[in-house]
């Protein structure tokens, strides 16, 4: 992520090199309200929801890497193309991992 922010700076973009770590205000309010009202989903369903989120996020990032690589190739930006080519496989691995974990867990969670 820091490499992408650095290269973005070369093109006049101010990218945050560190992804957000803490949940936003709305997420904290939602969670607190849910806790106060006693609405606690089953742990297995929470796991599936989290895995679905990881998969969807990775799929979106994968598309971003594809588009970035295409743009870099078209603009003959070798360093940016090399970065996209190097990082994209990690995103694909994350997506495959989340998919495998969903398949591994879904039957038991959804039928119990």
N, C-alpha and C. Protein backbone atom coordinates (compact mmCIF):
# COMPACT_ATOMS: atom_id res chain seq x y z
N UNK A 1 0.81 -1.18 0.00
CA UNK A 1 0.00 0.00 0.00
C UNK A 1 0.87 1.26 0.00
N UNK A 2 1.99 1.22 0.71
CA UNK A 2 2.84 2.40 0.75
C UNK A 2 3.47 2.66 -0.62
N UNK A 3 3.79 1.61 -1.36
CA UNK A 3 4.35 1.80 -2.69
C UNK A 3 3.35 2.47 -3.62
N UNK A 4 2.10 2.06 -3.54
CA UNK A 4 1.06 2.64 -4.38
C UNK A 4 0.89 4.12 -4.03
N UNK A 5 0.92 4.46 -2.75
CA UNK A 5 0.80 5.86 -2.33
C UNK A 5 1.99 6.66 -2.83
N UNK A 6 3.18 6.09 -2.79
CA UNK A 6 4.38 6.79 -3.26
C UNK A 6 4.29 7.06 -4.76
N UNK A 7 3.91 6.04 -5.53
CA UNK A 7 3.80 6.22 -6.98
C UNK A 7 2.67 7.18 -7.30
N UNK A 8 1.57 7.12 -6.54
CA UNK A 8 0.48 8.07 -6.74
C UNK A 8 0.95 9.50 -6.55
N UNK A 9 1.82 9.71 -5.56
CA UNK A 9 2.39 11.04 -5.33
C UNK A 9 3.15 11.56 -6.53
N UNK A 10 3.79 10.66 -7.28
CA UNK A 10 4.50 11.05 -8.50
C UNK A 10 3.54 11.58 -9.56
N UNK A 11 2.26 11.26 -9.41
CA UNK A 11 1.26 11.67 -10.39
C UNK A 11 0.27 12.68 -9.81
N UNK A 12 0.68 13.33 -8.71
CA UNK A 12 -0.13 14.38 -8.14
C UNK A 12 -1.29 13.90 -7.27
N UNK A 13 -1.27 12.64 -6.87
CA UNK A 13 -2.33 12.10 -6.02
C UNK A 13 -1.83 11.98 -4.58
N UNK A 14 -2.65 12.37 -3.64
CA UNK A 14 -2.31 12.23 -2.23
C UNK A 14 -3.07 11.03 -1.69
N UNK A 15 -2.43 9.87 -1.72
CA UNK A 15 -3.06 8.64 -1.25
C UNK A 15 -2.59 8.31 0.16
N UNK A 16 -3.50 7.83 0.98
CA UNK A 16 -3.17 7.42 2.34
C UNK A 16 -2.47 6.07 2.29
N UNK A 17 -1.22 5.97 2.75
CA UNK A 17 -0.49 4.71 2.66
C UNK A 17 -0.95 3.66 3.66
N UNK A 18 -1.77 4.03 4.64
CA UNK A 18 -2.24 3.06 5.62
C UNK A 18 -3.75 2.97 5.55
N UNK A 19 -4.28 1.75 5.41
CA UNK A 19 -5.74 1.59 5.36
C UNK A 19 -6.35 1.90 6.73
N UNK A 20 -7.62 2.30 6.74
CA UNK A 20 -8.27 2.58 8.02
C UNK A 20 -8.33 1.33 8.88
N UNK A 21 -8.04 1.49 10.16
CA UNK A 21 -8.03 0.33 11.04
C UNK A 21 -9.20 0.29 11.99
N UNK A 22 -9.66 1.42 12.42
CA UNK A 22 -10.76 1.48 13.38
C UNK A 22 -12.08 1.61 12.65
N UNK A 23 -13.14 1.00 13.20
CA UNK A 23 -14.45 1.18 12.58
C UNK A 23 -14.89 2.63 12.67
N UNK A 24 -15.66 3.06 11.70
CA UNK A 24 -16.13 4.43 11.67
C UNK A 24 -17.17 4.69 12.75
N UNK A 25 -17.53 5.95 12.89
CA UNK A 25 -18.49 6.36 13.91
C UNK A 25 -19.82 5.63 13.72
N UNK A 26 -20.31 5.55 12.49
CA UNK A 26 -21.59 4.89 12.25
C UNK A 26 -21.54 3.42 12.62
N UNK A 27 -20.43 2.76 12.33
CA UNK A 27 -20.30 1.35 12.68
C UNK A 27 -20.29 1.17 14.19
N UNK A 28 -19.61 2.04 14.91
CA UNK A 28 -19.59 1.94 16.38
C UNK A 28 -20.97 2.19 16.96
N UNK A 29 -21.71 3.15 16.41
CA UNK A 29 -23.07 3.43 16.88
C UNK A 29 -23.97 2.22 16.62
N UNK A 30 -23.87 1.64 15.42
CA UNK A 30 -24.68 0.48 15.08
C UNK A 30 -24.38 -0.67 16.02
N UNK A 31 -23.10 -0.91 16.28
CA UNK A 31 -22.72 -2.02 17.16
C UNK A 31 -23.20 -1.77 18.59
N UNK A 32 -23.05 -0.56 19.08
CA UNK A 32 -23.48 -0.25 20.44
C UNK A 32 -24.99 -0.40 20.57
N UNK A 33 -25.73 0.10 19.59
CA UNK A 33 -27.19 -0.02 19.60
C UNK A 33 -27.60 -1.49 19.58
N UNK A 34 -26.95 -2.27 18.73
CA UNK A 34 -27.24 -3.70 18.65
C UNK A 34 -26.98 -4.38 19.99
N UNK A 35 -25.88 -4.04 20.63
CA UNK A 35 -25.54 -4.62 21.93
C UNK A 35 -26.59 -4.24 22.99
N UNK A 36 -26.99 -2.99 23.02
CA UNK A 36 -27.95 -2.52 24.00
C UNK A 36 -29.32 -3.16 23.82
N UNK A 37 -29.69 -3.43 22.58
CA UNK A 37 -30.99 -4.03 22.30
C UNK A 37 -30.97 -5.56 22.39
N UNK A 38 -29.79 -6.11 22.62
CA UNK A 38 -29.69 -7.55 22.77
C UNK A 38 -29.74 -8.31 21.44
N UNK A 39 -29.49 -7.64 20.37
CA UNK A 39 -29.50 -8.30 19.05
C UNK A 39 -28.10 -8.80 18.73
N UNK A 40 -27.83 -10.00 19.13
CA UNK A 40 -26.52 -10.60 18.88
C UNK A 40 -26.68 -11.78 17.94
N UNK A 41 -26.24 -11.65 16.71
CA UNK A 41 -26.33 -12.77 15.79
C UNK A 41 -25.46 -13.94 16.25
N UNK A 42 -25.79 -15.10 15.78
CA UNK A 42 -25.00 -16.28 16.09
C UNK A 42 -23.58 -16.11 15.54
N UNK A 43 -22.59 -16.62 16.25
CA UNK A 43 -21.20 -16.49 15.81
C UNK A 43 -20.95 -17.04 14.40
N UNK A 44 -21.59 -18.16 14.05
CA UNK A 44 -21.39 -18.74 12.73
C UNK A 44 -21.87 -17.82 11.62
N UNK A 45 -23.01 -17.17 11.85
CA UNK A 45 -23.53 -16.23 10.84
C UNK A 45 -22.63 -15.00 10.72
N UNK A 46 -22.09 -14.57 11.86
CA UNK A 46 -21.13 -13.46 11.82
C UNK A 46 -19.89 -13.84 11.01
N UNK A 47 -19.43 -15.07 11.21
CA UNK A 47 -18.27 -15.55 10.46
C UNK A 47 -18.56 -15.53 8.96
N UNK A 48 -19.71 -16.05 8.56
CA UNK A 48 -20.06 -16.05 7.14
C UNK A 48 -20.16 -14.64 6.59
N UNK A 49 -20.76 -13.74 7.36
CA UNK A 49 -20.87 -12.35 6.92
C UNK A 49 -19.48 -11.73 6.75
N UNK A 50 -18.59 -11.99 7.69
CA UNK A 50 -17.24 -11.45 7.58
C UNK A 50 -16.50 -12.03 6.38
N UNK A 51 -16.64 -13.33 6.16
CA UNK A 51 -15.97 -13.96 5.02
C UNK A 51 -16.52 -13.44 3.70
N UNK A 52 -17.83 -13.22 3.63
CA UNK A 52 -18.45 -12.64 2.43
C UNK A 52 -17.88 -11.24 2.19
N UNK A 53 -17.73 -10.48 3.26
CA UNK A 53 -17.18 -9.13 3.15
C UNK A 53 -15.74 -9.18 2.62
N UNK A 54 -14.94 -10.06 3.19
CA UNK A 54 -13.54 -10.20 2.73
C UNK A 54 -13.51 -10.56 1.24
N UNK A 55 -14.36 -11.50 0.85
CA UNK A 55 -14.39 -11.93 -0.56
C UNK A 55 -14.79 -10.78 -1.48
N UNK A 56 -15.85 -10.05 -1.11
CA UNK A 56 -16.30 -8.93 -1.95
C UNK A 56 -15.25 -7.83 -2.03
N UNK A 57 -14.63 -7.52 -0.92
CA UNK A 57 -13.58 -6.49 -0.92
C UNK A 57 -12.41 -6.92 -1.81
N UNK A 58 -11.99 -8.17 -1.67
CA UNK A 58 -10.87 -8.67 -2.47
C UNK A 58 -11.23 -8.67 -3.95
N UNK A 59 -12.47 -9.01 -4.28
CA UNK A 59 -12.89 -8.99 -5.69
C UNK A 59 -12.83 -7.57 -6.24
N UNK A 60 -13.26 -6.61 -5.46
CA UNK A 60 -13.19 -5.22 -5.90
C UNK A 60 -11.76 -4.75 -6.07
N UNK A 61 -10.91 -5.11 -5.12
CA UNK A 61 -9.49 -4.73 -5.21
C UNK A 61 -8.83 -5.41 -6.40
N UNK A 62 -9.23 -6.65 -6.67
CA UNK A 62 -8.69 -7.36 -7.82
C UNK A 62 -8.99 -6.61 -9.11
N UNK A 63 -10.23 -6.16 -9.24
CA UNK A 63 -10.59 -5.37 -10.42
C UNK A 63 -9.80 -4.08 -10.48
N UNK A 64 -9.58 -3.46 -9.32
CA UNK A 64 -8.79 -2.23 -9.29
C UNK A 64 -7.37 -2.48 -9.79
N UNK A 65 -6.77 -3.60 -9.35
CA UNK A 65 -5.41 -3.93 -9.82
C UNK A 65 -5.41 -4.14 -11.33
N UNK A 66 -6.44 -4.82 -11.84
CA UNK A 66 -6.54 -5.05 -13.29
C UNK A 66 -6.60 -3.72 -14.04
N UNK A 67 -7.46 -2.83 -13.58
CA UNK A 67 -7.61 -1.53 -14.25
C UNK A 67 -6.33 -0.71 -14.15
N UNK A 68 -5.72 -0.72 -12.98
CA UNK A 68 -4.47 0.01 -12.80
C UNK A 68 -3.38 -0.53 -13.71
N UNK A 69 -3.31 -1.85 -13.83
CA UNK A 69 -2.30 -2.46 -14.71
C UNK A 69 -2.55 -2.07 -16.17
N UNK A 70 -3.83 -2.07 -16.57
CA UNK A 70 -4.15 -1.68 -17.95
C UNK A 70 -3.76 -0.23 -18.21
N UNK A 71 -4.10 0.64 -17.26
CA UNK A 71 -3.76 2.06 -17.43
C UNK A 71 -2.25 2.26 -17.44
N UNK A 72 -1.55 1.58 -16.54
CA UNK A 72 -0.09 1.71 -16.48
C UNK A 72 0.56 1.21 -17.76
N UNK A 73 0.03 0.11 -18.28
CA UNK A 73 0.57 -0.44 -19.52
C UNK A 73 0.34 0.53 -20.67
N UNK A 74 -0.87 1.09 -20.73
CA UNK A 74 -1.19 2.04 -21.80
C UNK A 74 -0.38 3.32 -21.70
N UNK A 75 -0.09 3.76 -20.48
CA UNK A 75 0.68 4.99 -20.28
C UNK A 75 2.19 4.72 -20.25
N UNK A 76 2.55 3.46 -20.44
CA UNK A 76 3.96 3.04 -20.42
C UNK A 76 4.66 3.42 -19.11
N UNK A 77 3.91 3.21 -18.01
CA UNK A 77 4.44 3.43 -16.66
C UNK A 77 4.93 2.09 -16.14
N UNK A 78 6.16 1.75 -16.43
CA UNK A 78 6.69 0.43 -16.11
C UNK A 78 6.68 0.13 -14.61
N UNK A 79 7.05 1.09 -13.80
CA UNK A 79 7.12 0.85 -12.35
C UNK A 79 5.73 0.57 -11.79
N UNK A 80 4.74 1.33 -12.21
CA UNK A 80 3.38 1.13 -11.74
C UNK A 80 2.83 -0.21 -12.26
N UNK A 81 3.14 -0.55 -13.51
CA UNK A 81 2.71 -1.83 -14.06
C UNK A 81 3.32 -2.99 -13.27
N UNK A 82 4.61 -2.87 -12.97
CA UNK A 82 5.30 -3.92 -12.20
C UNK A 82 4.69 -4.07 -10.81
N UNK A 83 4.32 -2.95 -10.19
CA UNK A 83 3.70 -3.01 -8.87
C UNK A 83 2.35 -3.73 -8.94
N UNK A 84 1.54 -3.38 -9.91
CA UNK A 84 0.23 -4.03 -10.06
C UNK A 84 0.40 -5.52 -10.33
N UNK A 85 1.34 -5.86 -11.17
CA UNK A 85 1.58 -7.26 -11.51
C UNK A 85 2.09 -8.04 -10.30
N UNK A 86 2.87 -7.39 -9.46
CA UNK A 86 3.41 -8.04 -8.27
C UNK A 86 2.35 -8.19 -7.17
N UNK A 87 1.47 -7.20 -7.01
CA UNK A 87 0.51 -7.20 -5.89
C UNK A 87 -0.79 -7.91 -6.20
N UNK A 88 -1.20 -7.96 -7.45
CA UNK A 88 -2.48 -8.55 -7.81
C UNK A 88 -2.60 -10.02 -7.37
N UNK A 89 -1.58 -10.84 -7.52
CA UNK A 89 -1.70 -12.23 -7.07
C UNK A 89 -2.04 -12.38 -5.59
N UNK A 90 -1.55 -11.47 -4.74
CA UNK A 90 -1.89 -11.53 -3.32
C UNK A 90 -3.39 -11.33 -3.12
N UNK A 91 -3.96 -10.41 -3.87
CA UNK A 91 -5.39 -10.15 -3.77
C UNK A 91 -6.19 -11.36 -4.25
N UNK A 92 -5.74 -11.98 -5.33
CA UNK A 92 -6.42 -13.18 -5.82
C UNK A 92 -6.35 -14.31 -4.80
N UNK A 93 -5.22 -14.43 -4.10
CA UNK A 93 -5.10 -15.44 -3.04
C UNK A 93 -6.08 -15.16 -1.90
N UNK A 94 -6.23 -13.90 -1.54
CA UNK A 94 -7.17 -13.54 -0.48
C UNK A 94 -8.59 -13.91 -0.88
N UNK A 95 -8.92 -13.65 -2.12
CA UNK A 95 -10.26 -13.96 -2.62
C UNK A 95 -10.49 -15.48 -2.61
N UNK A 96 -9.51 -16.25 -3.08
CA UNK A 96 -9.65 -17.71 -3.08
C UNK A 96 -9.72 -18.26 -1.66
N UNK A 97 -8.94 -17.69 -0.74
CA UNK A 97 -8.98 -18.13 0.65
C UNK A 97 -10.37 -17.91 1.23
N UNK A 98 -10.92 -16.70 1.05
CA UNK A 98 -12.24 -16.39 1.59
C UNK A 98 -13.30 -17.31 0.99
N UNK A 99 -13.19 -17.56 -0.30
CA UNK A 99 -14.14 -18.46 -0.97
C UNK A 99 -14.05 -19.87 -0.39
N UNK A 100 -12.85 -20.36 -0.20
CA UNK A 100 -12.67 -21.71 0.37
C UNK A 100 -13.22 -21.78 1.79
N UNK A 101 -12.98 -20.75 2.60
CA UNK A 101 -13.49 -20.74 3.96
C UNK A 101 -15.01 -20.67 3.98
N UNK A 102 -15.60 -19.92 3.06
CA UNK A 102 -17.06 -19.87 2.96
C UNK A 102 -17.61 -21.26 2.65
N UNK A 103 -17.03 -21.93 1.68
CA UNK A 103 -17.49 -23.27 1.31
C UNK A 103 -17.31 -24.25 2.46
N UNK A 104 -16.22 -24.10 3.18
CA UNK A 104 -15.90 -24.98 4.29
C UNK A 104 -16.89 -24.81 5.45
N UNK A 105 -17.34 -23.58 5.68
CA UNK A 105 -18.16 -23.28 6.85
C UNK A 105 -19.65 -23.21 6.58
N UNK A 106 -20.04 -22.87 5.37
CA UNK A 106 -21.44 -22.54 5.08
C UNK A 106 -22.42 -23.66 5.42
N UNK A 107 -22.13 -24.87 5.01
CA UNK A 107 -23.09 -25.96 5.24
C UNK A 107 -23.39 -26.14 6.72
N UNK A 108 -22.35 -26.23 7.52
CA UNK A 108 -22.54 -26.44 8.95
C UNK A 108 -23.28 -25.26 9.58
N UNK A 109 -22.89 -24.04 9.24
CA UNK A 109 -23.51 -22.86 9.85
C UNK A 109 -24.96 -22.74 9.43
N UNK A 110 -25.24 -22.96 8.17
CA UNK A 110 -26.59 -22.73 7.67
C UNK A 110 -27.58 -23.86 7.97
N UNK A 111 -27.06 -25.03 8.31
CA UNK A 111 -27.98 -26.15 8.58
C UNK A 111 -28.08 -26.49 10.06
N UNK A 112 -27.32 -25.79 10.90
CA UNK A 112 -27.40 -26.12 12.33
C UNK A 112 -28.20 -25.09 13.09
